[in-house]
Full PDB file with SEQRES, HELIX, SHEET, SSBOND, CRYST1, ORIGX, SCALE, CONECT and MASTER records, all heavy atoms in Angstrom:
SEQRES   1 A   30  ASN PRO GLN THR LEU ASP MET PHE LEU ASP VAL ASN GLY          
SEQRES   2 A   30  LYS ARG CYS GLN THR GLY ASN THR THR THR MET ILE PHE          
SEQRES   3 A   30  ALA ILE ASP GLU                                              
HELIX    1 AA1 PRO A    2  THR A    4  5                                   3    
HELIX    2 AA2 THR A   21  THR A   23  5                                   3    
SHEET    1 AA1 2 ASP A   6  VAL A  11  0                                        
SHEET    2 AA1 2 LYS A  14  ASN A  20 -1                                        
CRYST1    1.000    1.000    1.000  90.00  90.00  90.00 P 1           1          
ORIGX1      1.000000  0.000000  0.000000        0.00000                         
ORIGX2      0.000000  1.000000  0.000000        0.00000                         
ORIGX3      0.000000  0.000000  1.000000        0.00000                         
SCALE1      1.000000  0.000000  0.000000        0.00000                         
SCALE2      0.000000  1.000000  0.000000        0.00000                         
SCALE3      0.000000  0.000000  1.000000        0.00000                         
ATOM      1  N   ASN A   1       4.165   9.308  10.059  1.00  0.00           N  
ATOM      2  CA  ASN A   1       4.362   9.489   8.611  1.00  0.00           C  
ATOM      3  C   ASN A   1       3.469   8.510   7.820  1.00  0.00           C  
ATOM      4  O   ASN A   1       3.675   7.287   7.896  1.00  0.00           O  
ATOM      5  CB  ASN A   1       5.839   9.229   8.276  1.00  0.00           C  
ATOM      6  CG  ASN A   1       6.134   9.479   6.806  1.00  0.00           C  
ATOM      7  OD1 ASN A   1       5.238   9.820   6.011  1.00  0.00           O  
ATOM      8  ND2 ASN A   1       7.344   9.292   6.390  1.00  0.00           N  
ATOM      9  N   PRO A   2       2.482   9.051   7.090  1.00  0.00           N  
ATOM     10  CA  PRO A   2       1.571   8.129   6.350  1.00  0.00           C  
ATOM     11  C   PRO A   2       2.195   7.538   5.091  1.00  0.00           C  
ATOM     12  O   PRO A   2       1.528   6.732   4.425  1.00  0.00           O  
ATOM     13  CB  PRO A   2       0.400   9.041   6.012  1.00  0.00           C  
ATOM     14  CG  PRO A   2       1.000  10.387   5.869  1.00  0.00           C  
ATOM     15  CD  PRO A   2       2.110  10.454   6.891  1.00  0.00           C  
ATOM     16  N   GLN A   3       3.413   7.934   4.755  1.00  0.00           N  
ATOM     17  CA  GLN A   3       4.039   7.494   3.515  1.00  0.00           C  
ATOM     18  C   GLN A   3       4.982   6.288   3.703  1.00  0.00           C  
ATOM     19  O   GLN A   3       5.826   6.057   2.855  1.00  0.00           O  
ATOM     20  CB  GLN A   3       4.750   8.643   2.853  1.00  0.00           C  
ATOM     21  CG  GLN A   3       3.897   9.854   2.523  1.00  0.00           C  
ATOM     22  CD  GLN A   3       2.719   9.567   1.590  1.00  0.00           C  
ATOM     23  OE1 GLN A   3       1.749  10.308   1.578  1.00  0.00           O  
ATOM     24  NE2 GLN A   3       2.797   8.498   0.797  1.00  0.00           N  
ATOM     25  N   THR A   4       4.824   5.567   4.801  1.00  0.00           N  
ATOM     26  CA  THR A   4       5.715   4.420   5.017  1.00  0.00           C  
ATOM     27  C   THR A   4       4.920   3.155   5.429  1.00  0.00           C  
ATOM     28  O   THR A   4       5.433   2.297   6.102  1.00  0.00           O  
ATOM     29  CB  THR A   4       6.699   4.755   6.171  1.00  0.00           C  
ATOM     30  OG1 THR A   4       5.973   5.037   7.386  1.00  0.00           O  
ATOM     31  CG2 THR A   4       7.547   5.960   5.777  1.00  0.00           C  
ATOM     32  N   LEU A   5       3.653   3.072   5.020  1.00  0.00           N  
ATOM     33  CA  LEU A   5       2.769   2.034   5.544  1.00  0.00           C  
ATOM     34  C   LEU A   5       2.663   0.853   4.590  1.00  0.00           C  
ATOM     35  O   LEU A   5       2.297   0.986   3.426  1.00  0.00           O  
ATOM     36  CB  LEU A   5       1.388   2.612   5.814  1.00  0.00           C  
ATOM     37  CG  LEU A   5       1.348   3.841   6.753  1.00  0.00           C  
ATOM     38  CD1 LEU A   5      -0.101   4.330   6.880  1.00  0.00           C  
ATOM     39  CD2 LEU A   5       1.922   3.520   8.111  1.00  0.00           C  
ATOM     40  N   ASP A   6       2.953  -0.351   5.093  1.00  0.00           N  
ATOM     41  CA  ASP A   6       2.763  -1.564   4.310  1.00  0.00           C  
ATOM     42  C   ASP A   6       1.244  -1.848   4.187  1.00  0.00           C  
ATOM     43  O   ASP A   6       0.470  -1.640   5.106  1.00  0.00           O  
ATOM     44  CB  ASP A   6       3.452  -2.758   4.981  1.00  0.00           C  
ATOM     45  CG  ASP A   6       4.964  -2.696   4.872  1.00  0.00           C  
ATOM     46  OD1 ASP A   6       5.467  -2.155   3.907  1.00  0.00           O  
ATOM     47  OD2 ASP A   6       5.630  -3.175   5.820  1.00  0.00           O  
ATOM     48  N   MET A   7       0.886  -2.457   3.051  1.00  0.00           N  
ATOM     49  CA  MET A   7      -0.517  -2.795   2.809  1.00  0.00           C  
ATOM     50  C   MET A   7      -0.589  -4.096   2.035  1.00  0.00           C  
ATOM     51  O   MET A   7       0.319  -4.481   1.316  1.00  0.00           O  
ATOM     52  CB  MET A   7      -1.232  -1.652   2.069  1.00  0.00           C  
ATOM     53  CG  MET A   7      -0.556  -1.216   0.788  1.00  0.00           C  
ATOM     54  SD  MET A   7      -0.804   0.532   0.345  1.00  0.00           S  
ATOM     55  CE  MET A   7      -2.557   0.674   0.333  1.00  0.00           C  
ATOM     56  N   PHE A   8      -1.729  -4.794   2.196  1.00  0.00           N  
ATOM     57  CA  PHE A   8      -1.910  -6.084   1.487  1.00  0.00           C  
ATOM     58  C   PHE A   8      -3.383  -6.351   1.267  1.00  0.00           C  
ATOM     59  O   PHE A   8      -4.254  -5.758   1.936  1.00  0.00           O  
ATOM     60  CB  PHE A   8      -1.307  -7.222   2.328  1.00  0.00           C  
ATOM     61  CG  PHE A   8      -2.180  -7.612   3.505  1.00  0.00           C  
ATOM     62  CD1 PHE A   8      -3.119  -8.630   3.380  1.00  0.00           C  
ATOM     63  CD2 PHE A   8      -2.024  -6.987   4.733  1.00  0.00           C  
ATOM     64  CE1 PHE A   8      -3.912  -8.988   4.450  1.00  0.00           C  
ATOM     65  CE2 PHE A   8      -2.835  -7.323   5.813  1.00  0.00           C  
ATOM     66  CZ  PHE A   8      -3.778  -8.313   5.661  1.00  0.00           C  
ATOM     67  N   LEU A   9      -3.690  -7.272   0.348  1.00  0.00           N  
ATOM     68  CA  LEU A   9      -5.032  -7.783   0.161  1.00  0.00           C  
ATOM     69  C   LEU A   9      -4.966  -9.185  -0.350  1.00  0.00           C  
ATOM     70  O   LEU A   9      -4.190  -9.480  -1.299  1.00  0.00           O  
ATOM     71  CB  LEU A   9      -5.817  -6.879  -0.821  1.00  0.00           C  
ATOM     72  CG  LEU A   9      -7.291  -7.264  -1.009  1.00  0.00           C  
ATOM     73  CD1 LEU A   9      -8.176  -6.009  -1.200  1.00  0.00           C  
ATOM     74  CD2 LEU A   9      -7.480  -8.210  -2.183  1.00  0.00           C  
ATOM     75  N   ASP A  10      -5.733 -10.071   0.277  1.00  0.00           N  
ATOM     76  CA  ASP A  10      -5.861 -11.480  -0.130  1.00  0.00           C  
ATOM     77  C   ASP A  10      -7.270 -11.753  -0.643  1.00  0.00           C  
ATOM     78  O   ASP A  10      -8.244 -11.206  -0.087  1.00  0.00           O  
ATOM     79  CB  ASP A  10      -5.636 -12.427   1.035  1.00  0.00           C  
ATOM     80  CG  ASP A  10      -4.244 -12.312   1.638  1.00  0.00           C  
ATOM     81  OD1 ASP A  10      -3.333 -11.774   0.962  1.00  0.00           O  
ATOM     82  OD2 ASP A  10      -4.057 -12.759   2.777  1.00  0.00           O  
ATOM     83  N   VAL A  11      -7.414 -12.562  -1.682  1.00  0.00           N  
ATOM     84  CA  VAL A  11      -8.682 -13.050  -2.142  1.00  0.00           C  
ATOM     85  C   VAL A  11      -8.721 -14.558  -1.997  1.00  0.00           C  
ATOM     86  O   VAL A  11      -7.809 -15.248  -2.526  1.00  0.00           O  
ATOM     87  CB  VAL A  11      -8.969 -12.633  -3.594  1.00  0.00           C  
ATOM     88  CG1 VAL A  11     -10.293 -13.190  -4.088  1.00  0.00           C  
ATOM     89  CG2 VAL A  11      -8.968 -11.106  -3.736  1.00  0.00           C  
ATOM     90  N   ASN A  12      -9.652 -15.065  -1.258  1.00  0.00           N  
ATOM     91  CA  ASN A  12      -9.797 -16.508  -1.017  1.00  0.00           C  
ATOM     92  C   ASN A  12      -8.441 -17.096  -0.473  1.00  0.00           C  
ATOM     93  O   ASN A  12      -8.044 -18.185  -0.862  1.00  0.00           O  
ATOM     94  CB  ASN A  12     -10.200 -17.255  -2.267  1.00  0.00           C  
ATOM     95  CG  ASN A  12     -11.546 -16.802  -2.759  1.00  0.00           C  
ATOM     96  OD1 ASN A  12     -12.448 -16.462  -1.951  1.00  0.00           O  
ATOM     97  ND2 ASN A  12     -11.763 -16.797  -4.058  1.00  0.00           N  
ATOM     98  N   GLY A  13      -7.766 -16.327   0.387  1.00  0.00           N  
ATOM     99  CA  GLY A  13      -6.535 -16.776   0.988  1.00  0.00           C  
ATOM    100  C   GLY A  13      -5.319 -16.625   0.114  1.00  0.00           C  
ATOM    101  O   GLY A  13      -4.187 -16.953   0.594  1.00  0.00           O  
ATOM    102  N   LYS A  14      -5.421 -16.116  -1.074  1.00  0.00           N  
ATOM    103  CA  LYS A  14      -4.278 -15.937  -1.948  1.00  0.00           C  
ATOM    104  C   LYS A  14      -3.855 -14.483  -1.983  1.00  0.00           C  
ATOM    105  O   LYS A  14      -4.715 -13.596  -2.217  1.00  0.00           O  
ATOM    106  CB  LYS A  14      -4.594 -16.417  -3.363  1.00  0.00           C  
ATOM    107  CG  LYS A  14      -3.460 -16.236  -4.373  1.00  0.00           C  
ATOM    108  CD  LYS A  14      -3.904 -16.657  -5.763  1.00  0.00           C  
ATOM    109  CE  LYS A  14      -2.787 -16.406  -6.779  1.00  0.00           C  
ATOM    110  NZ  LYS A  14      -3.182 -16.790  -8.129  1.00  0.00           N  
ATOM    111  N   ARG A  15      -2.592 -14.175  -1.744  1.00  0.00           N  
ATOM    112  CA  ARG A  15      -2.116 -12.830  -1.731  1.00  0.00           C  
ATOM    113  C   ARG A  15      -2.159 -12.237  -3.164  1.00  0.00           C  
ATOM    114  O   ARG A  15      -1.567 -12.752  -4.100  1.00  0.00           O  
ATOM    115  CB  ARG A  15      -0.668 -12.786  -1.217  1.00  0.00           C  
ATOM    116  CG  ARG A  15      -0.048 -11.392  -1.104  1.00  0.00           C  
ATOM    117  CD  ARG A  15      -0.791 -10.454  -0.143  1.00  0.00           C  
ATOM    118  NE  ARG A  15      -1.197 -11.000   1.083  1.00  0.00           N  
ATOM    119  CZ  ARG A  15      -0.493 -10.977   2.228  1.00  0.00           C  
ATOM    120  NH1 ARG A  15       0.723 -10.409   2.229  1.00  0.00           N  
ATOM    121  NH2 ARG A  15      -0.973 -11.513   3.364  1.00  0.00           N  
ATOM    122  N   CYS A  16      -2.923 -11.140  -3.318  1.00  0.00           N  
ATOM    123  CA  CYS A  16      -3.056 -10.491  -4.600  1.00  0.00           C  
ATOM    124  C   CYS A  16      -2.368  -9.137  -4.646  1.00  0.00           C  
ATOM    125  O   CYS A  16      -1.739  -8.782  -5.624  1.00  0.00           O  
ATOM    126  CB  CYS A  16      -4.540 -10.308  -4.936  1.00  0.00           C  
ATOM    127  SG  CYS A  16      -5.451 -11.854  -5.241  1.00  0.00           S  
ATOM    128  N   GLN A  17      -2.454  -8.396  -3.569  1.00  0.00           N  
ATOM    129  CA  GLN A  17      -1.845  -7.068  -3.525  1.00  0.00           C  
ATOM    130  C   GLN A  17      -0.874  -6.970  -2.355  1.00  0.00           C  
ATOM    131  O   GLN A  17      -1.164  -7.380  -1.258  1.00  0.00           O  
ATOM    132  CB  GLN A  17      -2.923  -5.975  -3.340  1.00  0.00           C  
ATOM    133  CG  GLN A  17      -3.799  -5.754  -4.576  1.00  0.00           C  
ATOM    134  CD  GLN A  17      -4.697  -4.562  -4.389  1.00  0.00           C  
ATOM    135  OE1 GLN A  17      -5.777  -4.676  -3.818  1.00  0.00           O  
ATOM    136  NE2 GLN A  17      -4.263  -3.422  -4.901  1.00  0.00           N  
ATOM    137  N   THR A  18       0.286  -6.460  -2.649  1.00  0.00           N  
ATOM    138  CA  THR A  18       1.295  -6.107  -1.666  1.00  0.00           C  
ATOM    139  C   THR A  18       1.881  -4.762  -2.040  1.00  0.00           C  
ATOM    140  O   THR A  18       2.268  -4.581  -3.214  1.00  0.00           O  
ATOM    141  CB  THR A  18       2.416  -7.162  -1.603  1.00  0.00           C  
ATOM    142  OG1 THR A  18       1.859  -8.439  -1.322  1.00  0.00           O  
ATOM    143  CG2 THR A  18       3.419  -6.812  -0.501  1.00  0.00           C  
ATOM    144  N   GLY A  19       1.926  -3.830  -1.102  1.00  0.00           N  
ATOM    145  CA  GLY A  19       2.454  -2.530  -1.466  1.00  0.00           C  
ATOM    146  C   GLY A  19       2.852  -1.746  -0.241  1.00  0.00           C  
ATOM    147  O   GLY A  19       2.752  -2.201   0.893  1.00  0.00           O  
ATOM    148  N   ASN A  20       3.284  -0.526  -0.491  1.00  0.00           N  
ATOM    149  CA  ASN A  20       3.646   0.399   0.576  1.00  0.00           C  
ATOM    150  C   ASN A  20       3.347   1.822   0.089  1.00  0.00           C  
ATOM    151  O   ASN A  20       3.552   2.133  -1.072  1.00  0.00           O  
ATOM    152  CB  ASN A  20       5.119   0.273   0.927  1.00  0.00           C  
ATOM    153  CG  ASN A  20       5.543   1.067   2.131  1.00  0.00           C  
ATOM    154  OD1 ASN A  20       5.608   2.312   2.087  1.00  0.00           O  
ATOM    155  ND2 ASN A  20       5.776   0.406   3.243  1.00  0.00           N  
ATOM    156  N   THR A  21       2.835   2.624   0.987  1.00  0.00           N  
ATOM    157  CA  THR A  21       2.412   3.972   0.583  1.00  0.00           C  
ATOM    158  C   THR A  21       3.585   4.845   0.138  1.00  0.00           C  
ATOM    159  O   THR A  21       3.359   5.936  -0.406  1.00  0.00           O  
ATOM    160  CB  THR A  21       1.670   4.685   1.748  1.00  0.00           C  
ATOM    161  OG1 THR A  21       2.497   4.668   2.911  1.00  0.00           O  
ATOM    162  CG2 THR A  21       0.364   3.938   2.049  1.00  0.00           C  
ATOM    163  N   THR A  22       4.802   4.392   0.352  1.00  0.00           N  
ATOM    164  CA  THR A  22       5.959   5.177  -0.109  1.00  0.00           C  
ATOM    165  C   THR A  22       6.010   5.266  -1.617  1.00  0.00           C  
ATOM    166  O   THR A  22       6.663   6.149  -2.183  1.00  0.00           O  
ATOM    167  CB  THR A  22       7.270   4.564   0.428  1.00  0.00           C  
ATOM    168  OG1 THR A  22       8.330   5.470   0.195  1.00  0.00           O  
ATOM    169  CG2 THR A  22       7.593   3.244  -0.255  1.00  0.00           C  
ATOM    170  N   THR A  23       5.327   4.326  -2.343  1.00  0.00           N  
ATOM    171  CA  THR A  23       5.374   4.332  -3.792  1.00  0.00           C  
ATOM    172  C   THR A  23       4.224   5.098  -4.427  1.00  0.00           C  
ATOM    173  O   THR A  23       4.044   5.045  -5.660  1.00  0.00           O  
ATOM    174  CB  THR A  23       5.392   2.902  -4.325  1.00  0.00           C  
ATOM    175  OG1 THR A  23       4.169   2.229  -3.970  1.00  0.00           O  
ATOM    176  CG2 THR A  23       6.568   2.087  -3.772  1.00  0.00           C  
ATOM    177  N   MET A  24       3.485   5.871  -3.650  1.00  0.00           N  
ATOM    178  CA  MET A  24       2.448   6.716  -4.244  1.00  0.00           C  
ATOM    179  C   MET A  24       3.077   7.704  -5.216  1.00  0.00           C  
ATOM    180  O   MET A  24       4.172   8.219  -4.959  1.00  0.00           O  
ATOM    181  CB  MET A  24       1.723   7.508  -3.150  1.00  0.00           C  
ATOM    182  CG  MET A  24       0.693   6.722  -2.340  1.00  0.00           C  
ATOM    183  SD  MET A  24      -0.120   7.835  -1.185  1.00  0.00           S  
ATOM    184  CE  MET A  24      -1.236   6.691  -0.365  1.00  0.00           C  
ATOM    185  N   ILE A  25       2.386   8.028  -6.296  1.00  0.00           N  
ATOM    186  CA  ILE A  25       2.787   9.067  -7.209  1.00  0.00           C  
ATOM    187  C   ILE A  25       2.620  10.426  -6.540  1.00  0.00           C  
ATOM    188  O   ILE A  25       3.526  11.286  -6.574  1.00  0.00           O  
ATOM    189  CB  ILE A  25       2.038   8.985  -8.547  1.00  0.00           C  
ATOM    190  CG1 ILE A  25       2.298   7.643  -9.211  1.00  0.00           C  
ATOM    191  CG2 ILE A  25       2.410  10.124  -9.443  1.00  0.00           C  
ATOM    192  CD1 ILE A  25       1.356   7.358 -10.375  1.00  0.00           C  
ATOM    193  N   PHE A  26       1.440  10.639  -5.972  1.00  0.00           N  
ATOM    194  CA  PHE A  26       1.136  11.888  -5.283  1.00  0.00           C  
ATOM    195  C   PHE A  26       0.942  11.575  -3.790  1.00  0.00           C  
ATOM    196  O   PHE A  26       0.060  10.775  -3.441  1.00  0.00           O  
ATOM    197  CB  PHE A  26      -0.132  12.521  -5.853  1.00  0.00           C  
ATOM    198  CG  PHE A  26      -0.051  12.748  -7.336  1.00  0.00           C  
ATOM    199  CD1 PHE A  26      -0.737  11.909  -8.207  1.00  0.00           C  
ATOM    200  CD2 PHE A  26       0.704  13.797  -7.863  1.00  0.00           C  
ATOM    201  CE1 PHE A  26      -0.649  12.106  -9.587  1.00  0.00           C  
ATOM    202  CE2 PHE A  26       0.769  13.981  -9.239  1.00  0.00           C  
ATOM    203  CZ  PHE A  26       0.096  13.130 -10.116  1.00  0.00           C  
ATOM    204  N   ALA A  27       1.777  12.161  -2.963  1.00  0.00           N  
ATOM    205  CA  ALA A  27       1.706  11.940  -1.531  1.00  0.00           C  
ATOM    206  C   ALA A  27       0.487  12.602  -0.916  1.00  0.00           C  
ATOM    207  O   ALA A  27      -0.173  13.435  -1.529  1.00  0.00           O  
ATOM    208  CB  ALA A  27       2.995  12.481  -0.854  1.00  0.00           C  
ATOM    209  N   ILE A  28       0.186  12.197   0.342  1.00  0.00           N  
ATOM    210  CA  ILE A  28      -1.005  12.685   1.023  1.00  0.00           C  
ATOM    211  C   ILE A  28      -1.034  14.233   1.084  1.00  0.00           C  
ATOM    212  O   ILE A  28      -2.066  14.859   0.799  1.00  0.00           O  
ATOM    213  CB  ILE A  28      -1.124  12.097   2.436  1.00  0.00           C  
ATOM    214  CG1 ILE A  28      -1.115  10.561   2.391  1.00  0.00           C  
ATOM    215  CG2 ILE A  28      -2.384  12.628   3.126  1.00  0.00           C  
ATOM    216  CD1 ILE A  28      -2.216   9.946   1.620  1.00  0.00           C  
ATOM    217  N   ASP A  29       0.088  14.820   1.449  1.00  0.00           N  
ATOM    218  CA  ASP A  29       0.060  16.293   1.577  1.00  0.00           C  
ATOM    219  C   ASP A  29      -0.184  16.974   0.248  1.00  0.00           C  
ATOM    220  O   ASP A  29      -0.890  17.994   0.146  1.00  0.00           O  
ATOM    221  CB  ASP A  29       1.381  16.792   2.215  1.00  0.00           C  
ATOM    222  CG  ASP A  29       2.654  16.383   1.485  1.00  0.00           C  
ATOM    223  OD1 ASP A  29       2.553  15.630   0.482  1.00  0.00           O  
ATOM    224  OD2 ASP A  29       3.716  16.768   1.921  1.00  0.00           O  
ATOM    225  N   GLU A  30       0.366  16.407  -0.820  1.00  0.00           N  
ATOM    226  CA  GLU A  30       0.141  16.969  -2.160  1.00  0.00           C  
ATOM    227  C   GLU A  30      -1.318  16.803  -2.600  1.00  0.00           C  
ATOM    228  O   GLU A  30      -1.896  17.710  -3.190  1.00  0.00           O  
ATOM    229  CB  GLU A  30       1.063  16.322  -3.181  1.00  0.00           C  
ATOM    230  CG  GLU A  30       0.995  16.921  -4.556  1.00  0.00           C  
ATOM    231  CD  GLU A  30       2.028  16.376  -5.538  1.00  0.00           C  
ATOM    232  OE1 GLU A  30       2.776  15.438  -5.160  1.00  0.00           O  
ATOM    233  OE2 GLU A  30       2.117  16.908  -6.675  1.00  0.00           O  
TER     234      GLU A  30                                                      
MASTER        0    0    0    2    2    0    0    6  233    1    0    3          
END                                                                             
């Protein structure tokens, strides 16, 4: 299921983005 994946991004070691694909407005199939 691609709609349950945790994701993150750090810049210079500082966490900037934290999310999960479950919160997409439009899911992959749509």
